[in-house]
PDB file of N, CA and C in Angstrom:
ATOM      1  N   MET A   1    -199.066-118.904 155.280  1.00  0.00           N
ATOM      2  CA  MET A   1    -199.383-117.736 156.138  1.00  0.00           C
ATOM      3  C   MET A   1    -198.784-117.889 157.442  1.00  0.00           C
ATOM      4  N   LYS A   2    -198.677-119.229 157.937  1.00  0.00           N
ATOM      5  CA  LYS A   2    -198.108-119.517 159.195  1.00  0.00           C
ATOM      6  C   LYS A   2    -196.371-118.921 159.209  1.00  0.00           C
ATOM      7  N   LYS A   3    -195.846-119.133 157.763  1.00  0.00           N
ATOM      8  CA  LYS A   3    -194.481-118.928 157.499  1.00  0.00           C
ATOM      9  C   LYS A   3    -194.388-117.294 157.633  1.00  0.00           C
ATOM     10  N   ILE A   4    -195.276-116.489 156.945  1.00  0.00           N
ATOM     11  CA  ILE A   4    -195.286-115.145 157.180  1.00  0.00           C
ATOM     12  C   ILE A   4    -195.353-114.592 158.450  1.00  0.00           C
ATOM     13  N   ILE A   5    -196.216-115.274 159.414  1.00  0.00           N
ATOM     14  CA  ILE A   5    -196.379-114.843 160.671  1.00  0.00           C
ATOM     15  C   ILE A   5    -194.935-115.167 161.478  1.00  0.00           C
ATOM     16  N   PHE A   6    -194.533-116.481 161.256  1.00  0.00           N
ATOM     17  CA  PHE A   6    -193.138-116.620 162.303  1.00  0.00           C
ATOM     18  C   PHE A   6    -191.791-115.816 161.712  1.00  0.00           C
ATOM     19  N   ILE A   7    -191.905-115.426 160.368  1.00  0.00           N
ATOM     20  CA  ILE A   7    -190.851-114.344 159.891  1.00  0.00           C
ATOM     21  C   ILE A   7    -191.056-113.104 160.722  1.00  0.00           C
ATOM     22  N   PHE A   8    -192.438-112.717 160.727  1.00  0.00           N
ATOM     23  CA  PHE A   8    -192.875-111.452 161.245  1.00  0.00           C
ATOM     24  C   PHE A   8    -192.260-111.587 162.888  1.00  0.00           C
ATOM     25  N   CYS A   9    -192.885-112.411 163.257  1.00  0.00           N
ATOM     26  CA  CYS A   9    -192.475-112.560 164.997  1.00  0.00           C
ATOM     27  C   CYS A   9    -190.959-112.687 165.187  1.00  0.00           C
ATOM     28  N   LEU A  10    -190.258-113.390 164.304  1.00  0.00           N
ATOM     29  CA  LEU A  10    -188.881-113.493 164.417  1.00  0.00           C
ATOM     30  C   LEU A  10    -188.206-112.240 164.402  1.00  0.00           C
ATOM     31  N   PHE A  11    -188.431-111.384 163.442  1.00  0.00           N
ATOM     32  CA  PHE A  11    -187.981-109.915 163.101  1.00  0.00           C
ATOM     33  C   PHE A  11    -188.526-109.071 164.243  1.00  0.00           C
ATOM     34  N   SER A  12    -189.563-109.151 164.787  1.00  0.00           N
ATOM     35  CA  SER A  12    -190.155-108.405 165.733  1.00  0.00           C
ATOM     36  C   SER A  12    -189.087-108.673 167.237  1.00  0.00           C
ATOM     37  N   VAL A  13    -188.845-110.034 167.510  1.00  0.00           N
ATOM     38  CA  VAL A  13    -187.959-110.198 168.659  1.00  0.00           C
ATOM     39  C   VAL A  13    -186.407-109.644 168.163  1.00  0.00           C
ATOM     40  N   ILE A  14    -185.946-109.693 167.073  1.00  0.00           N
ATOM     41  CA  ILE A  14    -184.878-109.147 166.828  1.00  0.00           C
ATOM     42  C   ILE A  14    -184.751-107.765 166.930  1.00  0.00           C
ATOM     43  N   LEU A  15    -185.798-106.994 166.661  1.00  0.00           N
ATOM     44  CA  LEU A  15    -185.901-105.427 166.702  1.00  0.00           C
ATOM     45  C   LEU A  15    -186.069-105.072 168.370  1.00  0.00           C
ATOM     46  N   LEU A  16    -186.534-106.100 169.031  1.00  0.00           N
ATOM     47  CA  LEU A  16    -186.820-105.406 170.397  1.00  0.00           C
ATOM     48  C   LEU A  16    -185.673-105.868 171.163  1.00  0.00           C
ATOM     49  N   ILE A  17    -184.694-106.843 170.858  1.00  0.00           N
ATOM     50  CA  ILE A  17    -183.639-107.003 171.525  1.00  0.00           C
ATOM     51  C   ILE A  17    -182.653-105.756 171.863  1.00  0.00           C
ATOM     52  N   PRO A  18    -182.597-105.432 172.936  1.00  0.00           N
ATOM     53  CA  PRO A  18    -181.725-104.135 173.181  1.00  0.00           C
ATOM     54  C   PRO A  18    -180.089-104.309 172.832  1.00  0.00           C
ATOM     55  N   VAL A  19    -179.649-103.180 172.363  1.00  0.00           N
ATOM     56  CA  VAL A  19    -178.227-103.519 171.705  1.00  0.00           C
ATOM     57  C   VAL A  19    -177.405-102.696 172.704  1.00  0.00           C
ATOM     58  N   ALA A  20    -176.315-103.473 173.359  1.00  0.00           N
ATOM     59  CA  ALA A  20    -175.207-103.026 174.228  1.00  0.00           C
ATOM     60  C   ALA A  20    -174.202-101.865 173.327  1.00  0.00           C
ATOM     61  N   VAL A  21    -174.190-100.713 173.839  1.00  0.00           N
ATOM     62  CA  VAL A  21    -173.333 -99.705 173.068  1.00  0.00           C
ATOM     63  C   VAL A  21    -172.588 -99.278 174.304  1.00  0.00           C
ATOM     64  N   THR A  22    -171.303 -99.477 174.026  1.00  0.00           N
ATOM     65  CA  THR A  22    -170.311 -99.055 175.192  1.00  0.00           C
ATOM     66  C   THR A  22    -169.516 -97.779 174.640  1.00  0.00           C
ATOM     67  N   ALA A  23    -169.813 -96.787 175.064  1.00  0.00           N
ATOM     68  CA  ALA A  23    -168.811 -95.542 174.864  1.00  0.00           C
ATOM     69  C   ALA A  23    -167.808 -95.380 175.354  1.00  0.00           C
ATOM     70  N   VAL A  24    -166.621 -95.083 174.410  1.00  0.00           N
ATOM     71  CA  VAL A  24    -165.116 -94.814 175.159  1.00  0.00           C
ATOM     72  C   VAL A  24    -164.596 -93.613 174.600  1.00  0.00           C
ATOM     73  N   GLY A  25    -163.859 -93.076 175.281  1.00  0.00           N
ATOM     74  CA  GLY A  25    -163.186 -91.936 174.824  1.00  0.00           C
ATOM     75  C   GLY A  25    -161.660 -91.719 175.290  1.00  0.00           C
ATOM     76  N   ASN A  26    -161.254 -90.561 174.828  1.00  0.00           N
ATOM     77  CA  ASN A  26    -159.575 -90.427 175.405  1.00  0.00           C
ATOM     78  C   ASN A  26    -159.655 -89.354 176.243  1.00  0.00           C
ATOM     79  N   ILE A  27    -158.744 -89.191 177.222  1.00  0.00           N
ATOM     80  CA  ILE A  27    -158.572 -88.106 177.931  1.00  0.00           C
ATOM     81  C   ILE A  27    -157.082 -87.370 177.690  1.00  0.00           C
ATOM     82  N   SER A  28    -156.909 -86.436 177.658  1.00  0.00           N
ATOM     83  CA  SER A  28    -155.465 -85.752 177.486  1.00  0.00           C
ATOM     84  C   SER A  28    -155.333 -85.076 178.695  1.00  0.00           C
ATOM     85  N   VAL A  29    -154.125 -85.577 179.037  1.00  0.00           N
ATOM     86  CA  VAL A  29    -153.601 -84.957 180.541  1.00  0.00           C
ATOM     87  C   VAL A  29    -152.229 -84.479 180.408  1.00  0.00           C
ATOM     88  N   SER A  30    -152.114 -83.114 180.947  1.00  0.00           N
ATOM     89  CA  SER A  30    -150.769 -82.394 181.060  1.00  0.00           C
ATOM     90  C   SER A  30    -150.612 -81.873 182.386  1.00  0.00           C
ATOM     91  N   SER A  31    -149.566 -81.208 182.848  1.00  0.00           N
ATOM     92  CA  SER A  31    -149.296 -80.877 184.065  1.00  0.00           C
ATOM     93  C   SER A  31    -147.956 -79.789 184.024  1.00  0.00           C
ATOM     94  N   LEU A  32    -147.861 -79.010 184.911  1.00  0.00           N
ATOM     95  CA  LEU A  32    -146.857 -78.151 185.104  1.00  0.00           C
ATOM     96  C   LEU A  32    -146.251 -78.587 186.523  1.00  0.00           C
ATOM     97  N   PRO A  33    -144.997 -78.636 186.634  1.00  0.00           N
ATOM     98  CA  PRO A  33    -144.021 -79.304 185.899  1.00  0.00           C
ATOM     99  C   PRO A  33    -144.659 -80.480 184.785  1.00  0.00           C
ATOM    100  N   SER A  34    -144.130 -81.033 184.005  1.00  0.00           N
ATOM    101  CA  SER A  34    -144.190 -82.165 183.416  1.00  0.00           C
ATOM    102  C   SER A  34    -143.836 -83.268 183.955  1.00  0.00           C
ATOM    103  N   GLY A  35    -144.081 -84.509 183.805  1.00  0.00           N
ATOM    104  CA  GLY A  35    -143.485 -85.673 184.438  1.00  0.00           C
ATOM    105  C   GLY A  35    -144.287 -86.329 185.653  1.00  0.00           C
ATOM    106  N   ALA A  36    -145.722 -85.722 185.699  1.00  0.00           N
ATOM    107  CA  ALA A  36    -146.341 -86.388 186.927  1.00  0.00           C
ATOM    108  C   ALA A  36    -146.972 -87.974 186.677  1.00  0.00           C
ATOM    109  N   ALA A  37    -146.874 -88.468 187.583  1.00  0.00           N
ATOM    110  CA  ALA A  37    -147.442 -89.924 187.346  1.00  0.00           C
ATOM    111  C   ALA A  37    -148.967 -89.665 187.357  1.00  0.00           C
ATOM    112  N   VAL A  38    -149.451 -90.401 186.335  1.00  0.00           N
ATOM    113  CA  VAL A  38    -151.104 -90.319 186.201  1.00  0.00           C
ATOM    114  C   VAL A  38    -151.992 -91.079 186.700  1.00  0.00           C
ATOM    115  N   LEU A  39    -152.839 -90.974 187.672  1.00  0.00           N
ATOM    116  CA  LEU A  39    -153.983 -92.111 187.924  1.00  0.00           C
ATOM    117  C   LEU A  39    -155.317 -91.603 187.632  1.00  0.00           C
ATOM    118  N   LEU A  40    -156.037 -92.642 187.188  1.00  0.00           N
ATOM    119  CA  LEU A  40    -157.239 -92.469 186.839  1.00  0.00           C
ATOM    120  C   LEU A  40    -158.178 -93.423 187.943  1.00  0.00           C
ATOM    121  N   ASP A  41    -159.002 -92.715 188.557  1.00  0.00           N
ATOM    122  CA  ASP A  41    -159.744 -93.193 189.362  1.00  0.00           C
ATOM    123  C   ASP A  41    -159.079 -93.828 190.528  1.00  0.00           C
ATOM    124  N   GLY A  42    -157.934 -93.362 190.762  1.00  0.00           N
ATOM    125  CA  GLY A  42    -157.111 -93.687 191.945  1.00  0.00           C
ATOM    126  C   GLY A  42    -156.147 -94.944 191.815  1.00  0.00           C
ATOM    127  N   ILE A  43    -156.084 -95.212 190.214  1.00  0.00           N
ATOM    128  CA  ILE A  43    -155.264 -96.359 189.788  1.00  0.00           C
ATOM    129  C   ILE A  43    -154.251 -95.723 189.020  1.00  0.00           C
ATOM    130  N   THR A  44    -153.080 -96.252 188.973  1.00  0.00           N
ATOM    131  CA  THR A  44    -151.914 -95.789 188.263  1.00  0.00           C
ATOM    132  C   THR A  44    -152.161 -96.196 186.624  1.00  0.00           C
ATOM    133  N   THR A  45    -151.966 -95.480 185.924  1.00  0.00           N
ATOM    134  CA  THR A  45    -152.070 -95.756 184.374  1.00  0.00           C
ATOM    135  C   THR A  45    -150.669 -96.238 183.958  1.00  0.00           C
ATOM    136  N   GLY A  46    -149.725 -96.051 184.631  1.00  0.00           N
ATOM    137  CA  GLY A  46    -148.326 -96.368 184.151  1.00  0.00           C
ATOM    138  C   GLY A  46    -147.763 -95.307 183.063  1.00  0.00           C
ATOM    139  N   THR A  47    -148.264 -94.054 183.149  1.00  0.00           N
ATOM    140  CA  THR A  47    -147.910 -93.120 182.319  1.00  0.00           C
ATOM    141  C   THR A  47    -147.423 -91.892 183.076  1.00  0.00           C
ATOM    142  N   THR A  48    -146.828 -91.032 182.573  1.00  0.00           N
ATOM    143  CA  THR A  48    -146.628 -89.533 182.850  1.00  0.00           C
ATOM    144  C   THR A  48    -146.955 -88.611 182.251  1.00  0.00           C
ATOM    145  N   THR A  49    -147.126 -87.279 182.601  1.00  0.00           N
ATOM    146  CA  THR A  49    -147.524 -86.216 181.612  1.00  0.00           C
ATOM    147  C   THR A  49    -146.517 -85.817 181.044  1.00  0.00           C
ATOM    148  N   PRO A  50    -146.751 -85.254 179.880  1.00  0.00           N
ATOM    149  CA  PRO A  50    -147.986 -85.266 178.861  1.00  0.00           C
ATOM    150  C   PRO A  50    -148.358 -86.667 178.643  1.00  0.00           C
ATOM    151  N   THR A  51    -149.668 -87.046 178.549  1.00  0.00           N
ATOM    152  CA  THR A  51    -150.079 -88.137 177.897  1.00  0.00           C
ATOM    153  C   THR A  51    -151.690 -88.267 177.545  1.00  0.00           C
ATOM    154  N   VAL A  52    -151.993 -89.259 176.798  1.00  0.00           N
ATOM    155  CA  VAL A  52    -153.551 -89.405 176.598  1.00  0.00           C
ATOM    156  C   VAL A  52    -153.816 -90.881 177.025  1.00  0.00           C
ATOM    157  N   ILE A  53    -154.937 -90.898 177.804  1.00  0.00           N
ATOM    158  CA  ILE A  53    -155.364 -92.181 178.287  1.00  0.00           C
ATOM    159  C   ILE A  53    -156.436 -92.513 177.260  1.00  0.00           C
ATOM    160  N   GLU A  54    -156.293 -93.793 176.760  1.00  0.00           N
ATOM    161  CA  GLU A  54    -157.146 -93.932 175.562  1.00  0.00           C
ATOM    162  C   GLU A  54    -158.194 -95.155 176.179  1.00  0.00           C
ATOM    163  N   ASN A  55    -159.396 -95.167 175.581  1.00  0.00           N
ATOM    164  CA  ASN A  55    -160.376 -96.199 175.737  1.00  0.00           C
ATOM    165  C   ASN A  55    -160.863 -96.005 177.019  1.00  0.00           C
ATOM    166  N   VAL A  56    -161.010 -94.934 177.404  1.00  0.00           N
ATOM    167  CA  VAL A  56    -161.865 -94.656 178.840  1.00  0.00           C
ATOM    168  C   VAL A  56    -163.235 -94.828 178.799  1.00  0.00           C
ATOM    169  N   SER A  57    -164.144 -95.545 179.531  1.00  0.00           N
ATOM    170  CA  SER A  57    -165.563 -95.825 179.603  1.00  0.00           C
ATOM    171  C   SER A  57    -166.233 -94.405 179.841  1.00  0.00           C
ATOM    172  N   SER A  58    -167.281 -94.125 179.060  1.00  0.00           N
ATOM    173  CA  SER A  58    -168.074 -92.784 179.396  1.00  0.00           C
ATOM    174  C   SER A  58    -168.636 -92.872 180.949  1.00  0.00           C
ATOM    175  N   GLY A  59    -168.746 -91.534 181.312  1.00  0.00           N
ATOM    176  CA  GLY A  59    -169.016 -91.524 182.632  1.00  0.00           C
ATOM    177  C   GLY A  59    -168.155 -90.499 183.234  1.00  0.00           C
ATOM    178  N   SER A  60    -168.432 -90.240 184.895  1.00  0.00           N
ATOM    179  CA  SER A  60    -167.544 -89.320 185.584  1.00  0.00           C
ATOM    180  C   SER A  60    -166.331 -90.488 185.954  1.00  0.00           C
ATOM    181  N   HIS A  61    -165.095 -89.480 186.075  1.00  0.00           N
ATOM    182  CA  HIS A  61    -163.901 -90.250 186.385  1.00  0.00           C
ATOM    183  C   HIS A  61    -162.925 -89.091 187.255  1.00  0.00           C
ATOM    184  N   ILE A  62    -162.030 -89.791 187.853  1.00  0.00           N
ATOM    185  CA  ILE A  62    -161.197 -88.493 188.714  1.00  0.00           C
ATOM    186  C   ILE A  62    -159.731 -88.876 188.312  1.00  0.00           C
ATOM    187  N   VAL A  63    -159.368 -88.093 187.645  1.00  0.00           N
ATOM    188  CA  VAL A  63    -157.923 -87.700 187.240  1.00  0.00           C
ATOM    189  C   VAL A  63    -157.079 -86.983 188.210  1.00  0.00           C
ATOM    190  N   SER A  64    -155.904 -87.668 188.534  1.00  0.00           N
ATOM    191  CA  SER A  64    -154.884 -87.172 189.537  1.00  0.00           C
ATOM    192  C   SER A  64    -153.597 -87.505 189.112  1.00  0.00           C
ATOM    193  N   GLY A  65    -152.751 -86.448 189.902  1.00  0.00           N
ATOM    194  CA  GLY A  65    -151.359 -87.139 189.427  1.00  0.00           C
ATOM    195  C   GLY A  65    -150.310 -86.640 190.754  1.00  0.00           C
ATOM    196  N   ASN A  66    -149.193 -87.306 190.625  1.00  0.00           N
ATOM    197  CA  ASN A  66    -148.188 -87.131 191.515  1.00  0.00           C
ATOM    198  C   ASN A  66    -146.950 -86.779 190.998  1.00  0.00           C
ATOM    199  N   VAL A  67    -146.311 -85.591 191.446  1.00  0.00           N
ATOM    200  CA  VAL A  67    -145.109 -85.007 190.888  1.00  0.00           C
ATOM    201  C   VAL A  67    -144.071 -85.453 191.628  1.00  0.00           C
ATOM    202  N   PRO A  68    -142.987 -86.448 191.271  1.00  0.00           N
ATOM    203  CA  PRO A  68    -141.877 -86.561 191.956  1.00  0.00           C
ATOM    204  C   PRO A  68    -140.939 -85.488 192.426  1.00  0.00           C
ATOM    205  N   ILE A  69    -140.840 -85.558 193.728  1.00  0.00           N
ATOM    206  CA  ILE A  69    -139.935 -84.222 194.403  1.00  0.00           C
ATOM    207  C   ILE A  69    -138.308 -84.731 194.415  1.00  0.00           C
TER     208      ILE A  69
END
């Protein structure tokens, strides 16, 4: 009986432990004219348009670009 109660408690604890889920996605960026340096949240991505920024965490972000003159 004690063994059954122990197993039940163990499974209960495992089911109550929150699972961290990290949602990520991709952002497609294009511009006219093309060739703009792409910034994500003010940090350069090292890419120019057109491009896809991959593995971006879920939530609000600011995407901007600088076109060379």
